[in-house]
Amino acid sequence: MSNRSVFKDENGQWKNKRDDASKAGSVHDTQKEAENAAREMLRTNGGGELSTHGLDGRIRSKDTIAPGNESKVIDTER
């Protein structure tokens, strides 16, 4: 499980970065695109916490993303 942050860089691009990484995992034109990419990366890598930063750099929202590989019980009796 890892944590990711979405923030706007000095060049005006939105970055999706794992908190313990030195480089961004992806770069986007919009905050929404960066958030969607971060959510998908968290889902496929065991879940974690997503922190979205506003234009002032402060955290404006946090969301816990569950792993996407959870096994589901399927009712086969009908």
PDB file of N, CA and C in Angstrom:
ATOM      1  N   MET A   1       0.845  -1.170   0.000  1.00  0.00           N
ATOM      2  CA  MET A   1       0.000   0.000   0.000  1.00  0.00           C
ATOM      3  C   MET A   1       0.894   1.238   0.000  1.00  0.00           C
ATOM      4  N   SER A   2       0.565   2.183  -0.861  1.00  0.00           N
ATOM      5  CA  SER A   2       1.342   3.419  -0.936  1.00  0.00           C
ATOM      6  C   SER A   2       0.390   4.608  -0.961  1.00  0.00           C
ATOM      7  N   ASN A   3       0.935   5.781  -0.785  1.00  0.00           N
ATOM      8  CA  ASN A   3       0.155   7.016  -0.819  1.00  0.00           C
ATOM      9  C   ASN A   3       0.590   7.858  -2.000  1.00  0.00           C
ATOM     10  N   ARG A   4      -0.359   8.610  -2.562  1.00  0.00           N
ATOM     11  CA  ARG A   4      -0.069   9.454  -3.708  1.00  0.00           C
ATOM     12  C   ARG A   4      -0.611  10.859  -3.462  1.00  0.00           C
ATOM     13  N   SER A   5       0.035  11.843  -4.116  1.00  0.00           N
ATOM     14  CA  SER A   5      -0.407  13.234  -4.043  1.00  0.00           C
ATOM     15  C   SER A   5      -0.607  13.776  -5.446  1.00  0.00           C
ATOM     16  N   VAL A   6      -1.604  14.645  -5.584  1.00  0.00           N
ATOM     17  CA  VAL A   6      -1.863  15.360  -6.834  1.00  0.00           C
ATOM     18  C   VAL A   6      -1.657  16.838  -6.534  1.00  0.00           C
ATOM     19  N   PHE A   7      -0.832  17.501  -7.359  1.00  0.00           N
ATOM     20  CA  PHE A   7      -0.529  18.914  -7.130  1.00  0.00           C
ATOM     21  C   PHE A   7      -0.135  19.583  -8.441  1.00  0.00           C
ATOM     22  N   LYS A   8      -0.222  20.902  -8.472  1.00  0.00           N
ATOM     23  CA  LYS A   8       0.156  21.677  -9.652  1.00  0.00           C
ATOM     24  C   LYS A   8       1.601  22.124  -9.500  1.00  0.00           C
ATOM     25  N   ASP A   9       2.402  21.891 -10.542  1.00  0.00           N
ATOM     26  CA  ASP A   9       3.819  22.262 -10.466  1.00  0.00           C
ATOM     27  C   ASP A   9       4.041  23.701 -10.939  1.00  0.00           C
ATOM     28  N   GLU A  10       5.267  24.135 -10.889  1.00  0.00           N
ATOM     29  CA  GLU A  10       5.619  25.515 -11.247  1.00  0.00           C
ATOM     30  C   GLU A  10       5.391  25.826 -12.728  1.00  0.00           C
ATOM     31  N   ASN A  11       5.241  24.797 -13.562  1.00  0.00           N
ATOM     32  CA  ASN A  11       4.982  24.991 -14.999  1.00  0.00           C
ATOM     33  C   ASN A  11       3.495  24.927 -15.329  1.00  0.00           C
ATOM     34  N   GLY A  12       2.651  24.795 -14.312  1.00  0.00           N
ATOM     35  CA  GLY A  12       1.209  24.788 -14.526  1.00  0.00           C
ATOM     36  C   GLY A  12       0.619  23.436 -14.870  1.00  0.00           C
ATOM     37  N   GLN A  13       1.392  22.383 -14.721  1.00  0.00           N
ATOM     38  CA  GLN A  13       0.894  21.039 -15.015  1.00  0.00           C
ATOM     39  C   GLN A  13       0.558  20.329 -13.703  1.00  0.00           C
ATOM     40  N   TRP A  14      -0.441  19.447 -13.765  1.00  0.00           N
ATOM     41  CA  TRP A  14      -0.857  18.683 -12.600  1.00  0.00           C
ATOM     42  C   TRP A  14      -0.103  17.372 -12.559  1.00  0.00           C
ATOM     43  N   LYS A  15       0.504  17.082 -11.420  1.00  0.00           N
ATOM     44  CA  LYS A  15       1.307  15.869 -11.263  1.00  0.00           C
ATOM     45  C   LYS A  15       0.639  14.896 -10.305  1.00  0.00           C
ATOM     46  N   ASN A  16       0.800  13.633 -10.624  1.00  0.00           N
ATOM     47  CA  ASN A  16       0.372  12.510  -9.801  1.00  0.00           C
ATOM     48  C   ASN A  16       1.660  11.832  -9.365  1.00  0.00           C
ATOM     49  N   LYS A  17       1.946  11.890  -8.059  1.00  0.00           N
ATOM     50  CA  LYS A  17       3.240  11.406  -7.581  1.00  0.00           C
ATOM     51  C   LYS A  17       3.067  10.551  -6.337  1.00  0.00           C
ATOM     52  N   ARG A  18       3.722   9.399  -6.320  1.00  0.00           N
ATOM     53  CA  ARG A  18       3.775   8.588  -5.105  1.00  0.00           C
ATOM     54  C   ARG A  18       4.581   9.380  -4.076  1.00  0.00           C
ATOM     55  N   ASP A  19       4.123   9.408  -2.854  1.00  0.00           N
ATOM     56  CA  ASP A  19       4.740  10.268  -1.826  1.00  0.00           C
ATOM     57  C   ASP A  19       6.209   9.962  -1.575  1.00  0.00           C
ATOM     58  N   ASP A  20       6.635   8.725  -1.767  1.00  0.00           N
ATOM     59  CA  ASP A  20       8.038   8.390  -1.514  1.00  0.00           C
ATOM     60  C   ASP A  20       8.884   8.353  -2.793  1.00  0.00           C
ATOM     61  N   ALA A  21       8.339   8.847  -3.901  1.00  0.00           N
ATOM     62  CA  ALA A  21       9.062   8.842  -5.180  1.00  0.00           C
ATOM     63  C   ALA A  21       9.744  10.183  -5.430  1.00  0.00           C
ATOM     64  N   SER A  22      10.790  10.156  -6.242  1.00  0.00           N
ATOM     65  CA  SER A  22      11.488  11.393  -6.578  1.00  0.00           C
ATOM     66  C   SER A  22      10.890  12.073  -7.815  1.00  0.00           C
ATOM     67  N   LYS A  23      10.217  11.279  -8.660  1.00  0.00           N
ATOM     68  CA  LYS A  23       9.602  11.837  -9.874  1.00  0.00           C
ATOM     69  C   LYS A  23       8.123  11.487  -9.918  1.00  0.00           C
ATOM     70  N   ALA A  24       7.363  12.284 -10.652  1.00  0.00           N
ATOM     71  CA  ALA A  24       5.929  12.048 -10.799  1.00  0.00           C
ATOM     72  C   ALA A  24       5.659  10.791 -11.607  1.00  0.00           C
ATOM     73  N   GLY A  25       4.577  10.096 -11.254  1.00  0.00           N
ATOM     74  CA  GLY A  25       4.157   8.916 -12.001  1.00  0.00           C
ATOM     75  C   GLY A  25       3.491   9.301 -13.304  1.00  0.00           C
ATOM     76  N   SER A  26       2.851  10.476 -13.333  1.00  0.00           N
ATOM     77  CA  SER A  26       2.231  10.985 -14.552  1.00  0.00           C
ATOM     78  C   SER A  26       2.014  12.487 -14.418  1.00  0.00           C
ATOM     79  N   VAL A  27       1.917  13.145 -15.571  1.00  0.00           N
ATOM     80  CA  VAL A  27       1.730  14.599 -15.643  1.00  0.00           C
ATOM     81  C   VAL A  27       0.513  14.862 -16.535  1.00  0.00           C
ATOM     82  N   HIS A  28      -0.340  15.826 -16.123  1.00  0.00           N
ATOM     83  CA  HIS A  28      -1.615  16.061 -16.808  1.00  0.00           C
ATOM     84  C   HIS A  28      -1.911  17.551 -16.944  1.00  0.00           C
ATOM     85  N   ASP A  29      -2.827  17.858 -17.861  1.00  0.00           N
ATOM     86  CA  ASP A  29      -3.245  19.242 -18.063  1.00  0.00           C
ATOM     87  C   ASP A  29      -4.282  19.692 -17.034  1.00  0.00           C
ATOM     88  N   THR A  30      -5.044  18.730 -16.474  1.00  0.00           N
ATOM     89  CA  THR A  30      -6.077  19.093 -15.504  1.00  0.00           C
ATOM     90  C   THR A  30      -5.911  18.304 -14.209  1.00  0.00           C
ATOM     91  N   GLN A  31      -6.429  18.882 -13.147  1.00  0.00           N
ATOM     92  CA  GLN A  31      -6.403  18.225 -11.843  1.00  0.00           C
ATOM     93  C   GLN A  31      -7.213  16.930 -11.887  1.00  0.00           C
ATOM     94  N   LYS A  32      -8.363  16.957 -12.555  1.00  0.00           N
ATOM     95  CA  LYS A  32      -9.227  15.781 -12.638  1.00  0.00           C
ATOM     96  C   LYS A  32      -8.511  14.613 -13.307  1.00  0.00           C
ATOM     97  N   GLU A  33      -7.785  14.875 -14.400  1.00  0.00           N
ATOM     98  CA  GLU A  33      -7.031  13.814 -15.081  1.00  0.00           C
ATOM     99  C   GLU A  33      -5.976  13.213 -14.152  1.00  0.00           C
ATOM    100  N   ALA A  34      -5.281  14.077 -13.413  1.00  0.00           N
ATOM    101  CA  ALA A  34      -4.244  13.615 -12.487  1.00  0.00           C
ATOM    102  C   ALA A  34      -4.863  12.791 -11.358  1.00  0.00           C
ATOM    103  N   GLU A  35      -6.011  13.226 -10.833  1.00  0.00           N
ATOM    104  CA  GLU A  35      -6.693  12.472  -9.781  1.00  0.00           C
ATOM    105  C   GLU A  35      -7.141  11.108 -10.285  1.00  0.00           C
ATOM    106  N   ASN A  36      -7.704  11.061 -11.483  1.00  0.00           N
ATOM    107  CA  ASN A  36      -8.151   9.782 -12.045  1.00  0.00           C
ATOM    108  C   ASN A  36      -6.982   8.811 -12.214  1.00  0.00           C
ATOM    109  N   ALA A  37      -5.861   9.319 -12.700  1.00  0.00           N
ATOM    110  CA  ALA A  37      -4.676   8.473 -12.874  1.00  0.00           C
ATOM    111  C   ALA A  37      -4.170   7.975 -11.516  1.00  0.00           C
ATOM    112  N   ALA A  38      -4.149   8.848 -10.521  1.00  0.00           N
ATOM    113  CA  ALA A  38      -3.684   8.467  -9.182  1.00  0.00           C
ATOM    114  C   ALA A  38      -4.597   7.408  -8.580  1.00  0.00           C
ATOM    115  N   ARG A  39      -5.914   7.582  -8.722  1.00  0.00           N
ATOM    116  CA  ARG A  39      -6.868   6.600  -8.203  1.00  0.00           C
ATOM    117  C   ARG A  39      -6.643   5.230  -8.838  1.00  0.00           C
ATOM    118  N   GLU A  40      -6.463   5.206 -10.150  1.00  0.00           N
ATOM    119  CA  GLU A  40      -6.258   3.936 -10.848  1.00  0.00           C
ATOM    120  C   GLU A  40      -4.949   3.274 -10.412  1.00  0.00           C
ATOM    121  N   MET A  41      -3.893   4.061 -10.269  1.00  0.00           N
ATOM    122  CA  MET A  41      -2.610   3.511  -9.817  1.00  0.00           C
ATOM    123  C   MET A  41      -2.734   2.937  -8.405  1.00  0.00           C
ATOM    124  N   LEU A  42      -3.447   3.642  -7.524  1.00  0.00           N
ATOM    125  CA  LEU A  42      -3.636   3.143  -6.166  1.00  0.00           C
ATOM    126  C   LEU A  42      -4.449   1.852  -6.167  1.00  0.00           C
ATOM    127  N   ARG A  43      -5.531   1.827  -6.955  1.00  0.00           N
ATOM    128  CA  ARG A  43      -6.365   0.616  -7.020  1.00  0.00           C
ATOM    129  C   ARG A  43      -5.565  -0.598  -7.461  1.00  0.00           C
ATOM    130  N   THR A  44      -4.761  -0.429  -8.507  1.00  0.00           N
ATOM    131  CA  THR A  44      -4.030  -1.573  -9.067  1.00  0.00           C
ATOM    132  C   THR A  44      -2.805  -1.958  -8.246  1.00  0.00           C
ATOM    133  N   ASN A  45      -2.396  -1.098  -7.317  1.00  0.00           N
ATOM    134  CA  ASN A  45      -1.206  -1.385  -6.513  1.00  0.00           C
ATOM    135  C   ASN A  45      -1.518  -1.578  -5.033  1.00  0.00           C
ATOM    136  N   GLY A  46      -2.714  -2.048  -4.727  1.00  0.00           N
ATOM    137  CA  GLY A  46      -3.025  -2.408  -3.350  1.00  0.00           C
ATOM    138  C   GLY A  46      -3.710  -1.358  -2.509  1.00  0.00           C
ATOM    139  N   GLY A  47      -4.109  -0.239  -3.103  1.00  0.00           N
ATOM    140  CA  GLY A  47      -4.819   0.803  -2.371  1.00  0.00           C
ATOM    141  C   GLY A  47      -3.885   1.762  -1.650  1.00  0.00           C
ATOM    142  N   GLY A  48      -4.476   2.765  -1.021  1.00  0.00           N
ATOM    143  CA  GLY A  48      -3.701   3.753  -0.285  1.00  0.00           C
ATOM    144  C   GLY A  48      -4.459   5.058  -0.142  1.00  0.00           C
ATOM    145  N   GLU A  49      -3.774   6.081   0.293  1.00  0.00           N
ATOM    146  CA  GLU A  49      -4.357   7.389   0.552  1.00  0.00           C
ATOM    147  C   GLU A  49      -4.015   8.351  -0.590  1.00  0.00           C
ATOM    148  N   LEU A  50      -5.030   9.053  -1.107  1.00  0.00           N
ATOM    149  CA  LEU A  50      -4.833  10.064  -2.141  1.00  0.00           C
ATOM    150  C   LEU A  50      -5.037  11.443  -1.526  1.00  0.00           C
ATOM    151  N   SER A  51      -4.018  12.296  -1.605  1.00  0.00           N
ATOM    152  CA  SER A  51      -4.103  13.683  -1.128  1.00  0.00           C
ATOM    153  C   SER A  51      -4.094  14.600  -2.339  1.00  0.00           C
ATOM    154  N   THR A  52      -5.125  15.446  -2.446  1.00  0.00           N
ATOM    155  CA  THR A  52      -5.207  16.410  -3.543  1.00  0.00           C
ATOM    156  C   THR A  52      -4.931  17.793  -2.987  1.00  0.00           C
ATOM    157  N   HIS A  53      -3.961  18.471  -3.597  1.00  0.00           N
ATOM    158  CA  HIS A  53      -3.558  19.803  -3.148  1.00  0.00           C
ATOM    159  C   HIS A  53      -4.203  20.868  -4.028  1.00  0.00           C
ATOM    160  N   GLY A  54      -4.584  21.980  -3.420  1.00  0.00           N
ATOM    161  CA  GLY A  54      -5.133  23.108  -4.155  1.00  0.00           C
ATOM    162  C   GLY A  54      -4.019  23.951  -4.758  1.00  0.00           C
ATOM    163  N   LEU A  55      -4.402  25.034  -5.406  1.00  0.00           N
ATOM    164  CA  LEU A  55      -3.429  25.927  -6.041  1.00  0.00           C
ATOM    165  C   LEU A  55      -2.477  26.562  -5.037  1.00  0.00           C
ATOM    166  N   ASP A  56      -2.907  26.683  -3.771  1.00  0.00           N
ATOM    167  CA  ASP A  56      -2.058  27.270  -2.734  1.00  0.00           C
ATOM    168  C   ASP A  56      -1.081  26.247  -2.135  1.00  0.00           C
ATOM    169  N   GLY A  57      -1.158  24.984  -2.608  1.00  0.00           N
ATOM    170  CA  GLY A  57      -0.265  23.942  -2.119  1.00  0.00           C
ATOM    171  C   GLY A  57      -0.777  23.192  -0.904  1.00  0.00           C
ATOM    172  N   ARG A  58      -1.846  23.690  -0.291  1.00  0.00           N
ATOM    173  CA  ARG A  58      -2.402  23.033   0.890  1.00  0.00           C
ATOM    174  C   ARG A  58      -3.313  21.884   0.483  1.00  0.00           C
ATOM    175  N   ILE A  59      -3.364  20.851   1.312  1.00  0.00           N
ATOM    176  CA  ILE A  59      -4.236  19.712   1.038  1.00  0.00           C
ATOM    177  C   ILE A  59      -5.686  20.179   1.110  1.00  0.00           C
ATOM    178  N   ARG A  60      -6.434  19.919   0.029  1.00  0.00           N
ATOM    179  CA  ARG A  60      -7.839  20.306   0.018  1.00  0.00           C
ATOM    180  C   ARG A  60      -8.764  19.119   0.184  1.00  0.00           C
ATOM    181  N   SER A  61      -8.250  17.902  -0.111  1.00  0.00           N
ATOM    182  CA  SER A  61      -9.048  16.703   0.124  1.00  0.00           C
ATOM    183  C   SER A  61      -8.148  15.485   0.259  1.00  0.00           C
ATOM    184  N   LYS A  62      -8.664  14.501   1.006  1.00  0.00           N
ATOM    185  CA  LYS A  62      -7.987  13.210   1.163  1.00  0.00           C
ATOM    186  C   LYS A  62      -9.020  12.130   0.939  1.00  0.00           C
ATOM    187  N   ASP A  63      -8.576  11.045   0.316  1.00  0.00           N
ATOM    188  CA  ASP A  63      -9.483   9.940   0.042  1.00  0.00           C
ATOM    189  C   ASP A  63      -8.720   8.630   0.169  1.00  0.00           C
ATOM    190  N   THR A  64      -9.332   7.662   0.820  1.00  0.00           N
ATOM    191  CA  THR A  64      -8.739   6.336   0.929  1.00  0.00           C
ATOM    192  C   THR A  64      -9.252   5.496  -0.232  1.00  0.00           C
ATOM    193  N   ILE A  65      -8.330   4.944  -1.011  1.00  0.00           N
ATOM    194  CA  ILE A  65      -8.665   4.136  -2.178  1.00  0.00           C
ATOM    195  C   ILE A  65      -8.443   2.667  -1.827  1.00  0.00           C
ATOM    196  N   ALA A  66      -9.477   1.882  -1.990  1.00  0.00           N
ATOM    197  CA  ALA A  66      -9.389   0.450  -1.693  1.00  0.00           C
ATOM    198  C   ALA A  66      -8.699  -0.283  -2.843  1.00  0.00           C
ATOM    199  N   PRO A  67      -8.094  -1.424  -2.543  1.00  0.00           N
ATOM    200  CA  PRO A  67      -7.482  -2.228  -3.606  1.00  0.00           C
ATOM    201  C   PRO A  67      -8.526  -2.662  -4.626  1.00  0.00           C
ATOM    202  N   GLY A  68      -8.152  -2.693  -5.882  1.00  0.00           N
ATOM    203  CA  GLY A  68      -9.065  -3.087  -6.940  1.00  0.00           C
ATOM    204  C   GLY A  68      -9.125  -4.577  -7.159  1.00  0.00           C
ATOM    205  N   ASN A  69      -8.288  -5.340  -6.474  1.00  0.00           N
ATOM    206  CA  ASN A  69      -8.242  -6.777  -6.692  1.00  0.00           C
ATOM    207  C   ASN A  69      -8.939  -7.548  -5.584  1.00  0.00           C
ATOM    208  N   GLU A  70      -9.905  -6.931  -4.928  1.00  0.00           N
ATOM    209  CA  GLU A  70     -10.639  -7.613  -3.877  1.00  0.00           C
ATOM    210  C   GLU A  70     -11.491  -8.717  -4.495  1.00  0.00           C
ATOM    211  N   SER A  71     -11.494  -9.861  -3.861  1.00  0.00           N
ATOM    212  CA  SER A  71     -12.335 -10.938  -4.371  1.00  0.00           C
ATOM    213  C   SER A  71     -13.779 -10.663  -3.967  1.00  0.00           C
ATOM    214  N   LYS A  72     -14.699 -10.946  -4.875  1.00  0.00           N
ATOM    215  CA  LYS A  72     -16.112 -10.704  -4.631  1.00  0.00           C
ATOM    216  C   LYS A  72     -16.843 -12.037  -4.596  1.00  0.00           C
ATOM    217  N   VAL A  73     -17.816 -12.127  -3.714  1.00  0.00           N
ATOM    218  CA  VAL A  73     -18.634 -13.324  -3.629  1.00  0.00           C
ATOM    219  C   VAL A  73     -19.766 -13.189  -4.642  1.00  0.00           C
ATOM    220  N   ILE A  74     -19.907 -14.198  -5.476  1.00  0.00           N
ATOM    221  CA  ILE A  74     -20.947 -14.191  -6.492  1.00  0.00           C
ATOM    222  C   ILE A  74     -21.985 -15.243  -6.116  1.00  0.00           C
ATOM    223  N   ASP A  75     -23.236 -14.816  -6.086  1.00  0.00           N
ATOM    224  CA  ASP A  75     -24.325 -15.716  -5.751  1.00  0.00           C
ATOM    225  C   ASP A  75     -24.679 -16.538  -6.996  1.00  0.00           C
ATOM    226  N   THR A  76     -24.398 -17.831  -6.934  1.00  0.00           N
ATOM    227  CA  THR A  76     -24.646 -18.686  -8.098  1.00  0.00           C
ATOM    228  C   THR A  76     -25.964 -19.444  -7.982  1.00  0.00           C
ATOM    229  N   GLU A  77     -26.665 -19.298  -6.855  1.00  0.00           N
ATOM    230  CA  GLU A  77     -27.949 -19.979  -6.679  1.00  0.00           C
ATOM    231  C   GLU A  77     -29.064 -19.034  -7.028  1.00  0.00           C
ATOM    232  N   ARG A  78     -29.886 -19.417  -7.989  1.00  0.00           N
ATOM    233  CA  ARG A  78     -31.047 -18.590  -8.377  1.00  0.00           C
ATOM    234  C   ARG A  78     -32.208 -19.433  -8.727  1.00  0.00           C
TER     235      ARG A  78
END
